[in-house]
Amino acid sequence: MLRAQTVAPFRKPDYLSFQTGAMVDRYNSLGIRTYFEYQKEVSGHWQYGISYEHSRHFGFFATDHPDALPTNLSLLSLNGYYKINLLKDRLFWLAGLGIGGVHAYWDTNDKIGATVNASFTLNIKLTKKLYFESSPFIVLLPTNRLYFSTMNTERYNNFFALSLFPFGLKVKL
C-alpha cells in the first residue's frame, strides 16, 4: 500500500532586525539610537516591515539652528522595501519607504505628528540566518534612514531626523 506524502507549503521568510548608532534631528539634538523591526518577505524582491525606533538625547549637533532642544524621539512606522541583489542573498541593498508617527519629548513638552521615511540599507550575509546591516555608503553618507514630518514647535517649522553611523544585525526566523 502506497501513501501519498503531504508536502508543507513553502513559507516566505521573516526577519527580526536590531540596529544602533546615532540620530540627529531638526531640533539640533544628537541621540543614541535603538531600532527594532519585524520584516516579512512578500515575494522575491518585495518585503514589508513594522519598525520602532527610539533616540535618547546625548548631546548637540550642528544643524541650521543656533539654539537647540534636547529631544527624545520615538518613531513607529509601517515600511515597504525593494531588495536589490548585488550577490544573490549574500550582499544586497534594501530600498524602502514608510509612513508612521513620531513622538518628540523635550523638557516638559510633548509633540506628536505623522511622518514619512525613506531608507537604504546594506545587508551582508554572515551565516545561514544572520546578516550585518549598515549604511550603504558609510564613507560618503553615513546614514540609512531619513524621517520627515510637518510637525511644528514654537521655534521650528517641520521636523526631520536621520540616522548616523547605523549598524546592526538581522536574524532570519
N, C-alpha and C. Protein backbone atom coordinates (compact mmCIF):
# COMPACT_ATOMS: atom_id res chain seq x y z
N MET A 1 0.84 -1.17 0.00
CA MET A 1 0.00 0.00 0.00
C MET A 1 0.89 1.24 0.00
N LEU A 2 0.64 2.12 -0.91
CA LEU A 2 1.41 3.37 -1.02
C LEU A 2 0.62 4.52 -0.43
N ARG A 3 1.32 5.36 0.29
CA ARG A 3 0.68 6.55 0.86
C ARG A 3 1.27 7.79 0.21
N ALA A 4 0.43 8.72 -0.03
CA ALA A 4 0.91 9.98 -0.60
C ALA A 4 1.46 10.84 0.54
N GLN A 5 2.62 11.39 0.30
CA GLN A 5 3.21 12.28 1.30
C GLN A 5 2.71 13.69 1.07
N THR A 6 2.39 14.35 2.15
CA THR A 6 1.99 15.75 2.02
C THR A 6 3.23 16.61 2.20
N VAL A 7 3.35 17.56 1.33
CA VAL A 7 4.49 18.47 1.38
C VAL A 7 4.01 19.79 1.97
N ALA A 8 4.72 20.25 2.96
CA ALA A 8 4.37 21.53 3.59
C ALA A 8 4.58 22.66 2.58
N PRO A 9 3.65 23.59 2.54
CA PRO A 9 3.82 24.71 1.60
C PRO A 9 5.04 25.56 1.97
N PHE A 10 5.66 26.13 0.94
CA PHE A 10 6.83 26.98 1.15
C PHE A 10 6.42 28.23 1.92
N ARG A 11 7.14 28.53 2.95
CA ARG A 11 6.85 29.70 3.79
C ARG A 11 7.88 30.79 3.50
N LYS A 12 7.40 31.96 3.17
CA LYS A 12 8.28 33.10 2.94
C LYS A 12 8.97 33.46 4.25
N PRO A 13 10.25 33.85 4.19
CA PRO A 13 10.99 34.11 5.44
C PRO A 13 10.56 35.39 6.16
N ASP A 14 10.73 35.35 7.47
CA ASP A 14 10.55 36.51 8.35
C ASP A 14 11.93 36.91 8.85
N TYR A 15 12.06 38.18 9.22
CA TYR A 15 13.34 38.68 9.75
C TYR A 15 13.07 39.55 10.96
N LEU A 16 14.02 39.56 11.87
CA LEU A 16 14.00 40.45 13.02
C LEU A 16 15.30 41.23 12.99
N SER A 17 15.19 42.56 13.00
CA SER A 17 16.35 43.42 12.84
C SER A 17 16.55 44.29 14.07
N PHE A 18 17.79 44.46 14.47
CA PHE A 18 18.16 45.36 15.56
C PHE A 18 19.33 46.22 15.09
N GLN A 19 19.21 47.55 15.25
CA GLN A 19 20.29 48.47 14.88
C GLN A 19 20.52 49.47 16.00
N THR A 20 21.70 50.04 16.00
CA THR A 20 22.03 51.13 16.91
C THR A 20 22.88 52.13 16.14
N GLY A 21 23.34 53.15 16.80
CA GLY A 21 24.11 54.22 16.19
C GLY A 21 23.69 55.53 16.81
N ALA A 22 23.60 56.56 15.99
CA ALA A 22 23.19 57.89 16.48
C ALA A 22 22.03 58.39 15.64
N MET A 23 21.33 59.39 16.16
CA MET A 23 20.21 60.03 15.46
C MET A 23 20.36 61.54 15.63
N VAL A 24 20.25 62.26 14.53
CA VAL A 24 20.29 63.73 14.54
C VAL A 24 18.93 64.23 14.08
N ASP A 25 18.39 65.24 14.76
CA ASP A 25 17.09 65.76 14.36
C ASP A 25 17.13 67.26 14.10
N ARG A 26 16.02 67.77 13.65
CA ARG A 26 15.84 69.18 13.28
C ARG A 26 16.06 70.12 14.45
N TYR A 27 15.90 69.60 15.66
CA TYR A 27 16.00 70.43 16.85
C TYR A 27 17.43 70.51 17.37
N ASN A 28 18.40 70.10 16.53
CA ASN A 28 19.82 70.19 16.84
C ASN A 28 20.24 69.20 17.92
N SER A 29 19.45 68.17 18.11
CA SER A 29 19.72 67.17 19.15
C SER A 29 20.39 65.94 18.55
N LEU A 30 21.40 65.45 19.22
CA LEU A 30 22.09 64.21 18.85
C LEU A 30 21.73 63.16 19.89
N GLY A 31 21.24 62.01 19.44
CA GLY A 31 20.81 60.98 20.38
C GLY A 31 21.38 59.63 20.07
N ILE A 32 21.40 58.78 21.08
CA ILE A 32 21.76 57.37 20.91
C ILE A 32 20.52 56.66 20.39
N ARG A 33 20.68 55.91 19.30
CA ARG A 33 19.56 55.32 18.57
C ARG A 33 19.45 53.82 18.84
N THR A 34 18.23 53.37 19.08
CA THR A 34 17.93 51.93 19.09
C THR A 34 16.77 51.72 18.11
N TYR A 35 16.86 50.67 17.33
CA TYR A 35 15.91 50.41 16.25
C TYR A 35 15.59 48.92 16.21
N PHE A 36 14.30 48.59 16.18
CA PHE A 36 13.84 47.22 16.06
C PHE A 36 12.85 47.14 14.90
N GLU A 37 12.91 46.04 14.15
CA GLU A 37 11.95 45.88 13.06
C GLU A 37 11.67 44.41 12.80
N TYR A 38 10.39 44.12 12.56
CA TYR A 38 9.97 42.82 12.06
C TYR A 38 9.73 42.99 10.57
N GLN A 39 10.36 42.13 9.75
CA GLN A 39 10.19 42.19 8.30
C GLN A 39 9.65 40.86 7.79
N LYS A 40 8.83 40.94 6.76
CA LYS A 40 8.25 39.75 6.13
C LYS A 40 8.45 39.87 4.63
N GLU A 41 8.96 38.79 4.03
CA GLU A 41 9.13 38.77 2.58
C GLU A 41 7.79 38.46 1.93
N VAL A 42 7.38 39.30 0.97
CA VAL A 42 6.12 39.12 0.28
C VAL A 42 6.33 38.33 -1.01
N SER A 43 7.37 38.69 -1.76
CA SER A 43 7.76 37.97 -2.97
C SER A 43 9.28 38.04 -3.06
N GLY A 44 9.83 37.60 -4.16
CA GLY A 44 11.28 37.55 -4.32
C GLY A 44 12.03 38.82 -3.99
N HIS A 45 11.48 39.97 -4.37
CA HIS A 45 12.17 41.24 -4.14
C HIS A 45 11.44 42.18 -3.20
N TRP A 46 10.21 41.89 -2.84
CA TRP A 46 9.41 42.81 -2.03
C TRP A 46 9.27 42.33 -0.59
N GLN A 47 9.39 43.28 0.34
CA GLN A 47 9.22 42.99 1.77
C GLN A 47 8.44 44.12 2.41
N TYR A 48 7.83 43.84 3.55
CA TYR A 48 7.25 44.90 4.36
C TYR A 48 7.77 44.74 5.78
N GLY A 49 7.70 45.82 6.55
CA GLY A 49 8.19 45.76 7.92
C GLY A 49 7.43 46.71 8.83
N ILE A 50 7.45 46.39 10.11
CA ILE A 50 6.90 47.25 11.15
C ILE A 50 8.05 47.57 12.08
N SER A 51 8.37 48.86 12.22
CA SER A 51 9.56 49.24 12.98
C SER A 51 9.24 50.20 14.12
N TYR A 52 10.07 50.12 15.15
CA TYR A 52 10.03 51.06 16.26
C TYR A 52 11.46 51.56 16.46
N GLU A 53 11.58 52.87 16.56
CA GLU A 53 12.90 53.49 16.73
C GLU A 53 12.82 54.51 17.86
N HIS A 54 13.86 54.55 18.66
CA HIS A 54 13.91 55.49 19.78
C HIS A 54 15.29 56.11 19.83
N SER A 55 15.35 57.40 20.11
CA SER A 55 16.64 58.03 20.36
C SER A 55 16.56 58.83 21.65
N ARG A 56 17.59 58.68 22.44
CA ARG A 56 17.70 59.35 23.73
C ARG A 56 18.76 60.43 23.59
N HIS A 57 18.40 61.67 23.96
CA HIS A 57 19.31 62.81 23.81
C HIS A 57 20.64 62.53 24.51
N PHE A 58 21.72 62.82 23.77
CA PHE A 58 23.07 62.61 24.29
C PHE A 58 23.91 63.89 24.24
N GLY A 59 23.64 64.73 23.24
CA GLY A 59 24.40 65.96 23.06
C GLY A 59 23.79 66.77 21.94
N PHE A 60 24.52 67.77 21.48
CA PHE A 60 24.02 68.64 20.43
C PHE A 60 24.85 68.49 19.17
N PHE A 61 24.24 68.81 18.04
CA PHE A 61 24.85 68.64 16.73
C PHE A 61 24.72 69.95 15.97
N ALA A 62 25.53 70.17 14.96
CA ALA A 62 25.48 71.40 14.18
C ALA A 62 24.47 71.27 13.04
N THR A 63 23.28 71.83 13.23
CA THR A 63 22.28 71.89 12.16
C THR A 63 22.08 73.36 11.81
N ASP A 64 20.99 73.68 11.14
CA ASP A 64 20.79 75.05 10.67
C ASP A 64 20.20 75.99 11.72
N HIS A 65 20.05 75.55 12.98
CA HIS A 65 19.51 76.41 14.03
C HIS A 65 20.56 76.67 15.10
N PRO A 66 20.70 77.93 15.54
CA PRO A 66 21.69 78.24 16.57
C PRO A 66 21.29 77.74 17.96
N ASP A 67 19.99 77.62 18.22
CA ASP A 67 19.55 77.10 19.51
C ASP A 67 19.16 75.63 19.35
N ALA A 68 18.95 74.95 20.46
CA ALA A 68 18.72 73.52 20.39
C ALA A 68 17.70 73.09 21.44
N LEU A 69 17.01 72.00 21.13
CA LEU A 69 16.11 71.36 22.08
C LEU A 69 16.68 69.97 22.39
N PRO A 70 16.92 69.64 23.65
CA PRO A 70 17.39 68.29 23.99
C PRO A 70 16.24 67.29 23.85
N THR A 71 16.10 66.71 22.68
CA THR A 71 14.91 65.94 22.31
C THR A 71 15.11 64.44 22.42
N ASN A 72 14.10 63.77 22.95
CA ASN A 72 13.99 62.31 22.91
C ASN A 72 12.90 61.97 21.90
N LEU A 73 13.18 61.03 21.01
CA LEU A 73 12.25 60.69 19.93
C LEU A 73 11.81 59.24 20.02
N SER A 74 10.54 59.00 19.67
CA SER A 74 10.02 57.65 19.46
C SER A 74 9.29 57.67 18.12
N LEU A 75 9.61 56.71 17.25
CA LEU A 75 9.03 56.65 15.91
C LEU A 75 8.52 55.24 15.64
N LEU A 76 7.27 55.14 15.19
CA LEU A 76 6.66 53.86 14.84
C LEU A 76 6.27 53.95 13.37
N SER A 77 6.68 52.96 12.56
CA SER A 77 6.46 53.04 11.11
C SER A 77 6.05 51.71 10.50
N LEU A 78 5.30 51.80 9.41
CA LEU A 78 4.99 50.68 8.53
C LEU A 78 5.77 50.94 7.25
N ASN A 79 6.63 50.00 6.86
CA ASN A 79 7.57 50.22 5.76
C ASN A 79 7.40 49.18 4.66
N GLY A 80 7.68 49.60 3.42
CA GLY A 80 7.73 48.70 2.28
C GLY A 80 9.12 48.76 1.68
N TYR A 81 9.67 47.61 1.27
CA TYR A 81 11.05 47.54 0.79
C TYR A 81 11.14 46.83 -0.55
N TYR A 82 12.16 47.21 -1.32
CA TYR A 82 12.53 46.50 -2.54
C TYR A 82 13.97 46.04 -2.37
N LYS A 83 14.20 44.76 -2.60
CA LYS A 83 15.52 44.15 -2.41
C LYS A 83 16.30 44.21 -3.72
N ILE A 84 17.50 44.80 -3.66
CA ILE A 84 18.38 44.91 -4.83
C ILE A 84 19.59 44.01 -4.58
N ASN A 85 19.64 42.86 -5.25
CA ASN A 85 20.74 41.91 -5.06
C ASN A 85 22.01 42.37 -5.75
N LEU A 86 23.11 42.36 -5.01
CA LEU A 86 24.43 42.57 -5.59
C LEU A 86 25.09 41.20 -5.79
N LEU A 87 25.07 40.36 -4.76
CA LEU A 87 25.43 38.95 -4.83
C LEU A 87 24.25 38.21 -4.22
N LYS A 88 23.53 37.46 -5.00
CA LYS A 88 22.24 36.89 -4.61
C LYS A 88 22.21 36.38 -3.16
N ASP A 89 21.39 37.04 -2.37
CA ASP A 89 21.15 36.72 -0.96
C ASP A 89 22.39 36.74 -0.07
N ARG A 90 23.52 37.21 -0.57
CA ARG A 90 24.72 37.34 0.26
C ARG A 90 25.06 38.80 0.53
N LEU A 91 24.84 39.62 -0.47
CA LEU A 91 25.12 41.05 -0.38
C LEU A 91 24.03 41.78 -1.15
N PHE A 92 23.22 42.58 -0.44
CA PHE A 92 22.12 43.25 -1.11
C PHE A 92 21.75 44.54 -0.39
N TRP A 93 21.06 45.40 -1.13
CA TRP A 93 20.52 46.63 -0.57
C TRP A 93 19.01 46.46 -0.38
N LEU A 94 18.47 47.10 0.64
CA LEU A 94 17.03 47.22 0.81
C LEU A 94 16.69 48.70 0.70
N ALA A 95 15.92 49.05 -0.33
CA ALA A 95 15.45 50.43 -0.50
C ALA A 95 14.00 50.47 -0.06
N GLY A 96 13.65 51.45 0.77
CA GLY A 96 12.30 51.45 1.31
C GLY A 96 11.69 52.81 1.53
N LEU A 97 10.36 52.79 1.65
CA LEU A 97 9.56 53.96 2.01
C LEU A 97 8.60 53.54 3.10
N GLY A 98 8.26 54.48 3.97
CA GLY A 98 7.34 54.14 5.05
C GLY A 98 6.54 55.33 5.54
N ILE A 99 5.49 55.02 6.30
CA ILE A 99 4.66 56.04 6.94
C ILE A 99 4.51 55.64 8.41
N GLY A 100 4.26 56.64 9.24
CA GLY A 100 4.10 56.32 10.66
C GLY A 100 3.88 57.56 11.50
N GLY A 101 4.29 57.46 12.75
CA GLY A 101 4.11 58.55 13.69
C GLY A 101 5.37 58.81 14.48
N VAL A 102 5.48 60.04 14.99
CA VAL A 102 6.62 60.45 15.81
C VAL A 102 6.11 61.06 17.10
N HIS A 103 6.79 60.77 18.18
CA HIS A 103 6.55 61.43 19.47
C HIS A 103 7.87 62.08 19.87
N ALA A 104 7.87 63.40 19.98
CA ALA A 104 9.07 64.15 20.39
C ALA A 104 8.82 64.70 21.79
N TYR A 105 9.79 64.51 22.68
CA TYR A 105 9.67 64.98 24.05
C TYR A 105 10.92 65.76 24.43
N TRP A 106 10.75 66.96 24.94
CA TRP A 106 11.87 67.76 25.45
C TRP A 106 11.38 68.56 26.65
N ASP A 107 12.25 68.72 27.62
CA ASP A 107 11.93 69.42 28.86
C ASP A 107 10.58 68.93 29.40
N THR A 108 9.55 69.76 29.34
CA THR A 108 8.23 69.35 29.80
C THR A 108 7.21 69.38 28.67
N ASN A 109 7.66 69.38 27.44
CA ASN A 109 6.77 69.47 26.28
C ASN A 109 6.72 68.15 25.51
N ASP A 110 5.56 67.87 24.94
CA ASP A 110 5.35 66.72 24.08
C ASP A 110 4.79 67.19 22.76
N LYS A 111 5.17 66.51 21.69
CA LYS A 111 4.61 66.81 20.37
C LYS A 111 4.47 65.49 19.63
N ILE A 112 3.32 65.29 18.98
CA ILE A 112 3.05 64.08 18.22
C ILE A 112 2.70 64.48 16.79
N GLY A 113 3.21 63.74 15.81
CA GLY A 113 2.91 64.04 14.42
C GLY A 113 3.05 62.82 13.53
N ALA A 114 2.57 62.94 12.31
CA ALA A 114 2.71 61.88 11.30
C ALA A 114 4.04 62.05 10.59
N THR A 115 4.66 60.95 10.17
CA THR A 115 5.94 61.02 9.46
C THR A 115 5.91 60.16 8.20
N VAL A 116 6.81 60.50 7.30
CA VAL A 116 7.17 59.63 6.18
C VAL A 116 8.66 59.36 6.32
N ASN A 117 9.11 58.22 5.81
CA ASN A 117 10.54 57.93 5.88
C ASN A 117 11.02 57.27 4.61
N ALA A 118 12.30 57.39 4.37
CA ALA A 118 12.97 56.72 3.26
C ALA A 118 14.21 56.05 3.82
N SER A 119 14.51 54.86 3.32
CA SER A 119 15.67 54.13 3.83
C SER A 119 16.41 53.43 2.70
N PHE A 120 17.68 53.20 2.94
CA PHE A 120 18.54 52.49 2.00
C PHE A 120 19.61 51.80 2.85
N THR A 121 19.51 50.48 3.00
CA THR A 121 20.35 49.74 3.93
C THR A 121 21.11 48.64 3.22
N LEU A 122 22.39 48.51 3.57
CA LEU A 122 23.24 47.44 3.06
C LEU A 122 23.13 46.23 3.97
N ASN A 123 22.92 45.05 3.40
CA ASN A 123 22.84 43.79 4.15
C ASN A 123 23.94 42.86 3.67
N ILE A 124 24.72 42.32 4.62
CA ILE A 124 25.81 41.39 4.31
C ILE A 124 25.53 40.09 5.08
N LYS A 125 25.44 38.98 4.36
CA LYS A 125 25.16 37.69 5.00
C LYS A 125 26.40 37.20 5.73
N LEU A 126 26.25 36.90 7.04
CA LEU A 126 27.35 36.40 7.85
C LEU A 126 27.28 34.88 8.01
N THR A 127 26.09 34.37 8.29
CA THR A 127 25.86 32.93 8.41
C THR A 127 24.54 32.62 7.70
N LYS A 128 24.08 31.38 7.84
CA LYS A 128 22.84 30.97 7.17
C LYS A 128 21.65 31.83 7.57
N LYS A 129 21.61 32.29 8.83
CA LYS A 129 20.46 33.04 9.32
C LYS A 129 20.82 34.40 9.91
N LEU A 130 22.02 34.89 9.71
CA LEU A 130 22.45 36.14 10.33
C LEU A 130 23.04 37.09 9.29
N TYR A 131 22.58 38.35 9.33
CA TYR A 131 23.04 39.38 8.41
C TYR A 131 23.56 40.58 9.20
N PHE A 132 24.55 41.26 8.65
CA PHE A 132 25.03 42.53 9.20
C PHE A 132 24.37 43.64 8.39
N GLU A 133 23.85 44.68 9.07
CA GLU A 133 23.20 45.81 8.39
C GLU A 133 23.96 47.10 8.69
N SER A 134 24.05 47.97 7.68
CA SER A 134 24.72 49.25 7.87
C SER A 134 24.30 50.22 6.77
N SER A 135 24.93 51.38 6.82
CA SER A 135 24.74 52.39 5.79
C SER A 135 25.39 51.89 4.50
N PRO A 136 24.73 52.05 3.35
CA PRO A 136 25.30 51.55 2.11
C PRO A 136 26.52 52.33 1.62
N PHE A 137 26.62 53.58 2.02
CA PHE A 137 27.73 54.43 1.59
C PHE A 137 28.36 55.08 2.81
N ILE A 138 28.90 54.28 3.71
CA ILE A 138 29.37 54.76 5.02
C ILE A 138 30.39 55.89 4.91
N VAL A 139 31.23 55.87 3.88
CA VAL A 139 32.25 56.92 3.73
C VAL A 139 31.64 58.21 3.21
N LEU A 140 30.75 58.12 2.23
CA LEU A 140 30.17 59.31 1.62
C LEU A 140 29.00 59.88 2.41
N LEU A 141 28.10 59.01 2.85
CA LEU A 141 26.89 59.43 3.55
C LEU A 141 26.57 58.40 4.63
N PRO A 142 26.98 58.65 5.88
CA PRO A 142 26.84 57.64 6.93
C PRO A 142 25.43 57.56 7.52
N THR A 143 24.42 57.38 6.67
CA THR A 143 23.04 57.25 7.13
C THR A 143 22.33 56.19 6.32
N ASN A 144 21.27 55.62 6.88
CA ASN A 144 20.46 54.67 6.12
C ASN A 144 18.96 54.96 6.22
N ARG A 145 18.57 55.96 7.03
CA ARG A 145 17.14 56.24 7.19
C ARG A 145 16.94 57.73 7.46
N LEU A 146 15.95 58.33 6.75
CA LEU A 146 15.58 59.74 6.91
C LEU A 146 14.09 59.83 7.23
N TYR A 147 13.73 60.73 8.15
CA TYR A 147 12.34 60.96 8.51
C TYR A 147 11.97 62.41 8.23
N PHE A 148 10.70 62.63 7.85
CA PHE A 148 10.18 63.99 7.66
C PHE A 148 8.75 64.06 8.18
N SER A 149 8.41 65.20 8.80
CA SER A 149 7.06 65.44 9.29
C SER A 149 6.76 66.93 9.20
N THR A 150 5.50 67.27 9.08
CA THR A 150 5.09 68.68 9.08
C THR A 150 4.81 69.17 10.50
N MET A 151 5.22 68.41 11.49
CA MET A 151 5.04 68.77 12.89
C MET A 151 5.85 70.04 13.21
N ASN A 152 5.21 71.01 13.84
CA ASN A 152 5.86 72.28 14.18
C ASN A 152 5.94 72.47 15.70
N THR A 153 6.93 73.23 16.13
CA THR A 153 7.02 73.67 17.53
C THR A 153 7.08 75.19 17.52
N GLU A 154 7.29 75.78 18.67
CA GLU A 154 7.28 77.24 18.77
C GLU A 154 8.32 77.89 17.85
N ARG A 155 9.53 77.35 17.80
CA ARG A 155 10.61 77.98 17.04
C ARG A 155 10.99 77.24 15.77
N TYR A 156 10.44 76.08 15.55
CA TYR A 156 10.85 75.25 14.42
C TYR A 156 9.65 74.90 13.55
N ASN A 157 9.83 75.01 12.24
CA ASN A 157 8.82 74.55 11.29
C ASN A 157 9.28 73.22 10.72
N ASN A 158 8.37 72.27 10.67
CA ASN A 158 8.64 70.93 10.15
C ASN A 158 9.61 70.18 11.06
N PHE A 159 9.76 68.92 10.78
CA PHE A 159 10.62 68.05 11.56
C PHE A 159 11.35 67.13 10.60
N PHE A 160 12.62 66.91 10.82
CA PHE A 160 13.33 65.86 10.11
C PHE A 160 14.35 65.24 11.05
N ALA A 161 14.70 64.02 10.77
CA ALA A 161 15.71 63.30 11.56
C ALA A 161 16.39 62.30 10.64
N LEU A 162 17.62 61.96 10.96
CA LEU A 162 18.34 60.95 10.19
C LEU A 162 19.26 60.16 11.10
N SER A 163 19.48 58.91 10.72
CA SER A 163 20.39 58.06 11.48
C SER A 163 21.82 58.39 11.07
N LEU A 164 22.76 58.24 12.00
CA LEU A 164 24.18 58.45 11.73
C LEU A 164 24.96 57.20 12.13
N PHE A 165 25.83 56.74 11.27
CA PHE A 165 26.67 55.57 11.50
C PHE A 165 25.87 54.38 12.05
N PRO A 166 24.80 54.00 11.34
CA PRO A 166 23.98 52.88 11.80
C PRO A 166 24.68 51.54 11.56
N PHE A 167 24.49 50.63 12.48
CA PHE A 167 24.95 49.26 12.29
C PHE A 167 24.08 48.34 13.14
N GLY A 168 23.96 47.10 12.69
CA GLY A 168 23.12 46.18 13.44
C GLY A 168 23.13 44.79 12.85
N LEU A 169 22.27 43.95 13.40
CA LEU A 169 22.14 42.57 12.97
C LEU A 169 20.70 42.28 12.59
N LYS A 170 20.55 41.41 11.59
CA LYS A 170 19.24 40.94 11.16
C LYS A 170 19.26 39.42 11.25
N VAL A 171 18.23 38.85 11.86
CA VAL A 171 18.13 37.40 12.04
C VAL A 171 16.98 36.87 11.19
N LYS A 172 17.25 35.84 10.41
CA LYS A 172 16.21 35.17 9.63
C LYS A 172 15.52 34.17 10.54
N LEU A 173 14.22 34.34 10.72
CA LEU A 173 13.47 33.48 11.66
C LEU A 173 13.01 32.20 10.99
